[in-house]
């Protein structure tokens, strides 16, 4: 069974940065990405990246986040900068078609 393992979440002050990582235990997925879910809200797209490096971002990102991948390491990264308190959420790694990680908490303090 394929697993996605996230790391890199934590507590950061507003304006700070974090980098999330997600490693796939097996297989190279055509598309991988990040979603997030804040308390009381629906899960929303943060960013996706395909095996060729094409990316797609949620509208709220506005140039603050960058997704990248290392196919040899079956790993994707999410570099988050200029973090805001409203970015506080559980961030989930996702791989096509429907594989999810367990989530990592990101908390941004004001």
Foldseek 3Di string as FASTA:
>chain_A
DKAKAKDWADEEAAQAKIKMKIFIPDDQFQKKAKWWDDPPGDIGGAKMAGPVGDMDGDPVQVPQKDKDDDRVRRMIMIIGGNDDQVVFTWMWMAGPPGHIHPTDTHGYHD
